[in-house]
Amino acid sequence: MIGYGANIGIVPIACNEIFNRVNRLKSDTMRYEIMFSMVEIYNERVQDLLIDINLRPVGGLKVREHKSMGVYVQDLTKHPVDSYEAIDCKMEQG
């Protein structure tokens, strides 16, 4: 998924393509927001990996479904990113 050197992997390639397209398509009338979240699902518990381990809810986060939003994780933090480097930094933090 994430490689090294010349074989950087599919995640960096896909993320860089997203940012390249956003940069090509942005205009005065169009605004894009790209957000990053990182979760772990283990033993049926959903944890936000970008929150300090001591501040995480004991039972984990709740997965919800909404008619217009679809499936989402309640109270999951979202962090704005503007490049793959920012994503990579957040992944290291998680």
N, C-alpha and C. Protein backbone atom coordinates (compact mmCIF):
# COMPACT_ATOMS: atom_id res chain seq x y z
N MET A 1 0.82 -1.19 0.00
CA MET A 1 0.00 0.00 0.00
C MET A 1 0.87 1.26 0.00
N ILE A 2 1.86 1.27 0.88
CA ILE A 2 2.81 2.38 0.92
C ILE A 2 4.19 1.77 0.78
N GLY A 3 4.91 2.19 -0.24
CA GLY A 3 6.23 1.63 -0.50
C GLY A 3 7.32 2.64 -0.19
N TYR A 4 8.49 2.36 -0.74
CA TYR A 4 9.66 3.20 -0.49
C TYR A 4 10.44 3.38 -1.78
N GLY A 5 11.17 4.48 -1.86
CA GLY A 5 12.01 4.74 -3.02
C GLY A 5 11.19 4.89 -4.28
N ALA A 6 11.62 4.22 -5.35
CA ALA A 6 10.94 4.31 -6.64
C ALA A 6 9.57 3.64 -6.60
N ASN A 7 9.38 2.68 -5.72
CA ASN A 7 8.10 1.97 -5.58
C ASN A 7 7.32 2.57 -4.41
N ILE A 8 6.76 3.76 -4.61
CA ILE A 8 6.15 4.49 -3.49
C ILE A 8 4.83 3.89 -3.02
N GLY A 9 4.16 3.12 -3.86
CA GLY A 9 2.93 2.47 -3.43
C GLY A 9 1.68 3.19 -3.93
N ILE A 10 0.55 2.50 -3.81
CA ILE A 10 -0.71 3.00 -4.35
C ILE A 10 -1.29 4.16 -3.55
N VAL A 11 -1.12 4.18 -2.24
CA VAL A 11 -1.70 5.26 -1.43
C VAL A 11 -1.08 6.61 -1.78
N PRO A 12 0.25 6.74 -1.80
CA PRO A 12 0.82 8.03 -2.19
C PRO A 12 0.46 8.43 -3.62
N ILE A 13 0.42 7.47 -4.54
CA ILE A 13 0.08 7.78 -5.93
C ILE A 13 -1.35 8.31 -6.00
N ALA A 14 -2.29 7.63 -5.34
CA ALA A 14 -3.69 8.05 -5.36
C ALA A 14 -3.87 9.42 -4.71
N CYS A 15 -3.22 9.63 -3.57
CA CYS A 15 -3.33 10.92 -2.88
C CYS A 15 -2.76 12.05 -3.72
N ASN A 16 -1.60 11.84 -4.31
CA ASN A 16 -1.01 12.87 -5.16
C ASN A 16 -1.91 13.18 -6.35
N GLU A 17 -2.56 12.16 -6.90
CA GLU A 17 -3.48 12.40 -8.02
C GLU A 17 -4.67 13.23 -7.57
N ILE A 18 -5.19 12.98 -6.39
CA ILE A 18 -6.30 13.79 -5.86
C ILE A 18 -5.89 15.26 -5.78
N PHE A 19 -4.72 15.53 -5.19
CA PHE A 19 -4.27 16.92 -5.06
C PHE A 19 -3.96 17.55 -6.41
N ASN A 20 -3.41 16.78 -7.36
CA ASN A 20 -3.16 17.31 -8.70
C ASN A 20 -4.47 17.71 -9.37
N ARG A 21 -5.49 16.88 -9.25
CA ARG A 21 -6.79 17.20 -9.87
C ARG A 21 -7.43 18.41 -9.21
N VAL A 22 -7.36 18.47 -7.89
CA VAL A 22 -7.92 19.63 -7.19
C VAL A 22 -7.23 20.91 -7.65
N ASN A 23 -5.93 20.87 -7.77
CA ASN A 23 -5.19 22.06 -8.22
C ASN A 23 -5.56 22.45 -9.65
N ARG A 24 -5.82 21.46 -10.51
CA ARG A 24 -6.20 21.75 -11.89
C ARG A 24 -7.63 22.30 -11.98
N LEU A 25 -8.52 21.82 -11.09
CA LEU A 25 -9.94 22.16 -11.20
C LEU A 25 -10.38 23.34 -10.35
N LYS A 26 -9.55 23.79 -9.43
CA LYS A 26 -10.00 24.86 -8.53
C LYS A 26 -10.20 26.16 -9.31
N SER A 27 -11.15 26.93 -8.84
CA SER A 27 -11.47 28.20 -9.48
C SER A 27 -12.05 29.14 -8.43
N ASP A 28 -12.43 30.33 -8.86
CA ASP A 28 -13.03 31.29 -7.94
C ASP A 28 -14.40 30.84 -7.46
N THR A 29 -15.06 29.99 -8.23
CA THR A 29 -16.41 29.55 -7.88
C THR A 29 -16.46 28.16 -7.26
N MET A 30 -15.31 27.48 -7.20
CA MET A 30 -15.27 26.12 -6.69
C MET A 30 -14.22 26.02 -5.59
N ARG A 31 -14.62 25.40 -4.48
CA ARG A 31 -13.71 25.23 -3.35
C ARG A 31 -13.67 23.75 -2.97
N TYR A 32 -12.51 23.23 -2.66
CA TYR A 32 -12.34 21.83 -2.27
C TYR A 32 -11.79 21.76 -0.86
N GLU A 33 -12.27 20.79 -0.10
CA GLU A 33 -11.73 20.50 1.23
C GLU A 33 -11.35 19.03 1.26
N ILE A 34 -10.13 18.75 1.64
CA ILE A 34 -9.68 17.36 1.77
C ILE A 34 -9.34 17.15 3.24
N MET A 35 -10.00 16.17 3.83
CA MET A 35 -9.85 15.91 5.26
C MET A 35 -9.24 14.53 5.48
N PHE A 36 -8.51 14.39 6.58
CA PHE A 36 -7.85 13.13 6.92
C PHE A 36 -8.32 12.66 8.29
N SER A 37 -8.64 11.38 8.37
CA SER A 37 -8.98 10.72 9.63
C SER A 37 -8.27 9.38 9.64
N MET A 38 -8.07 8.82 10.82
CA MET A 38 -7.39 7.53 10.91
C MET A 38 -8.03 6.73 12.03
N VAL A 39 -8.59 5.57 11.67
CA VAL A 39 -9.26 4.72 12.66
C VAL A 39 -8.61 3.35 12.72
N GLU A 40 -8.82 2.72 13.85
CA GLU A 40 -8.42 1.32 14.04
C GLU A 40 -9.68 0.57 14.46
N ILE A 41 -9.93 -0.56 13.83
CA ILE A 41 -11.03 -1.43 14.24
C ILE A 41 -10.40 -2.71 14.74
N TYR A 42 -10.57 -2.98 16.02
CA TYR A 42 -9.97 -4.14 16.65
C TYR A 42 -10.94 -4.67 17.69
N ASN A 43 -11.23 -5.96 17.65
CA ASN A 43 -12.19 -6.57 18.57
C ASN A 43 -13.51 -5.80 18.60
N GLU A 44 -13.98 -5.42 17.42
CA GLU A 44 -15.25 -4.72 17.25
C GLU A 44 -15.29 -3.35 17.93
N ARG A 45 -14.14 -2.79 18.23
CA ARG A 45 -14.05 -1.43 18.78
C ARG A 45 -13.39 -0.52 17.76
N VAL A 46 -13.99 0.64 17.59
CA VAL A 46 -13.47 1.63 16.64
C VAL A 46 -12.77 2.72 17.44
N GLN A 47 -11.49 2.94 17.15
CA GLN A 47 -10.70 3.94 17.88
C GLN A 47 -10.17 4.99 16.91
N ASP A 48 -10.18 6.24 17.32
CA ASP A 48 -9.60 7.35 16.57
C ASP A 48 -8.12 7.40 16.91
N LEU A 49 -7.26 7.08 15.95
CA LEU A 49 -5.82 7.01 16.21
C LEU A 49 -5.16 8.37 16.30
N LEU A 50 -5.90 9.43 16.01
CA LEU A 50 -5.32 10.77 16.09
C LEU A 50 -5.70 11.48 17.39
N ILE A 51 -6.26 10.73 18.33
CA ILE A 51 -6.55 11.25 19.67
C ILE A 51 -5.63 10.54 20.65
N ASP A 52 -5.13 11.27 21.61
CA ASP A 52 -4.28 10.69 22.64
C ASP A 52 -4.96 9.46 23.24
N ILE A 53 -4.22 8.41 23.43
CA ILE A 53 -4.78 7.14 23.90
C ILE A 53 -5.52 7.29 25.23
N ASN A 54 -5.09 8.21 26.07
CA ASN A 54 -5.75 8.42 27.37
C ASN A 54 -7.06 9.19 27.25
N LEU A 55 -7.30 9.82 26.12
CA LEU A 55 -8.51 10.62 25.92
C LEU A 55 -9.56 9.89 25.08
N ARG A 56 -9.25 8.69 24.61
CA ARG A 56 -10.19 7.93 23.77
C ARG A 56 -11.33 7.37 24.61
N PRO A 57 -12.54 7.33 24.05
CA PRO A 57 -13.67 6.72 24.77
C PRO A 57 -13.38 5.25 25.08
N VAL A 58 -13.72 4.82 26.28
CA VAL A 58 -13.42 3.45 26.72
C VAL A 58 -14.04 2.40 25.81
N GLY A 59 -15.28 2.58 25.43
CA GLY A 59 -15.96 1.59 24.59
C GLY A 59 -15.72 1.77 23.11
N GLY A 60 -14.92 2.75 22.73
CA GLY A 60 -14.68 3.05 21.32
C GLY A 60 -15.72 4.00 20.76
N LEU A 61 -15.58 4.33 19.51
CA LEU A 61 -16.50 5.23 18.82
C LEU A 61 -17.65 4.43 18.22
N LYS A 62 -18.76 5.09 18.01
CA LYS A 62 -19.96 4.46 17.46
C LYS A 62 -20.02 4.65 15.95
N VAL A 63 -20.36 3.58 15.24
CA VAL A 63 -20.60 3.65 13.80
C VAL A 63 -22.09 3.89 13.62
N ARG A 64 -22.42 4.91 12.85
CA ARG A 64 -23.81 5.31 12.65
C ARG A 64 -24.15 5.32 11.16
N GLU A 65 -25.45 5.38 10.88
CA GLU A 65 -25.91 5.51 9.51
C GLU A 65 -26.96 6.61 9.46
N HIS A 66 -26.83 7.46 8.44
CA HIS A 66 -27.73 8.60 8.27
C HIS A 66 -28.28 8.54 6.85
N LYS A 67 -29.54 8.95 6.66
CA LYS A 67 -30.18 8.88 5.34
C LYS A 67 -29.38 9.60 4.26
N SER A 68 -28.92 10.81 4.55
CA SER A 68 -28.22 11.58 3.52
C SER A 68 -26.69 11.47 3.62
N MET A 69 -26.16 11.28 4.81
CA MET A 69 -24.71 11.19 4.99
C MET A 69 -24.15 9.79 4.75
N GLY A 70 -25.00 8.79 4.89
CA GLY A 70 -24.53 7.41 4.76
C GLY A 70 -23.91 6.94 6.07
N VAL A 71 -22.99 6.00 5.98
CA VAL A 71 -22.34 5.44 7.16
C VAL A 71 -21.20 6.36 7.58
N TYR A 72 -21.09 6.61 8.88
CA TYR A 72 -20.01 7.45 9.40
C TYR A 72 -19.66 7.02 10.82
N VAL A 73 -18.52 7.49 11.30
CA VAL A 73 -18.09 7.23 12.68
C VAL A 73 -18.35 8.49 13.49
N GLN A 74 -19.20 8.35 14.49
CA GLN A 74 -19.57 9.49 15.33
C GLN A 74 -18.37 9.97 16.13
N ASP A 75 -18.15 11.28 16.15
CA ASP A 75 -17.08 11.94 16.91
C ASP A 75 -15.67 11.66 16.39
N LEU A 76 -15.55 11.14 15.19
CA LEU A 76 -14.24 10.93 14.59
C LEU A 76 -13.63 12.28 14.23
N THR A 77 -12.37 12.51 14.59
CA THR A 77 -11.73 13.79 14.26
C THR A 77 -11.39 13.82 12.78
N LYS A 78 -11.46 15.02 12.20
CA LYS A 78 -11.13 15.25 10.80
C LYS A 78 -10.12 16.38 10.75
N HIS A 79 -9.05 16.15 9.99
CA HIS A 79 -7.96 17.13 9.91
C HIS A 79 -7.77 17.56 8.46
N PRO A 80 -7.78 18.87 8.18
CA PRO A 80 -7.56 19.32 6.81
C PRO A 80 -6.12 19.04 6.37
N VAL A 81 -5.97 18.61 5.12
CA VAL A 81 -4.64 18.36 4.54
C VAL A 81 -4.59 19.01 3.17
N ASP A 82 -3.39 19.41 2.76
CA ASP A 82 -3.25 20.05 1.46
C ASP A 82 -2.19 19.39 0.58
N SER A 83 -1.66 18.25 1.01
CA SER A 83 -0.67 17.53 0.23
C SER A 83 -0.51 16.12 0.79
N TYR A 84 0.13 15.25 0.00
CA TYR A 84 0.40 13.92 0.52
C TYR A 84 1.38 14.00 1.69
N GLU A 85 2.28 14.96 1.67
CA GLU A 85 3.22 15.10 2.78
C GLU A 85 2.49 15.36 4.10
N ALA A 86 1.40 16.16 4.04
CA ALA A 86 0.59 16.41 5.24
C ALA A 86 -0.11 15.13 5.69
N ILE A 87 -0.58 14.33 4.73
CA ILE A 87 -1.19 13.04 5.06
C ILE A 87 -0.16 12.12 5.69
N ASP A 88 1.01 12.05 5.11
CA ASP A 88 2.08 11.19 5.63
C ASP A 88 2.44 11.58 7.06
N CYS A 89 2.48 12.88 7.33
CA CYS A 89 2.78 13.38 8.67
C CYS A 89 1.69 12.94 9.66
N LYS A 90 0.43 13.04 9.26
CA LYS A 90 -0.68 12.60 10.11
C LYS A 90 -0.64 11.09 10.34
N MET A 91 -0.27 10.33 9.30
CA MET A 91 -0.17 8.87 9.48
C MET A 91 0.92 8.52 10.48
N GLU A 92 2.01 9.24 10.44
CA GLU A 92 3.09 9.02 11.42
C GLU A 92 2.60 9.34 12.82
N GLN A 93 1.82 10.41 12.94
CA GLN A 93 1.27 10.80 14.23
C GLN A 93 0.35 9.70 14.77
N GLY A 94 -0.46 9.10 13.87
CA GLY A 94 -1.40 8.04 14.28
C GLY A 94 -0.67 6.77 14.64
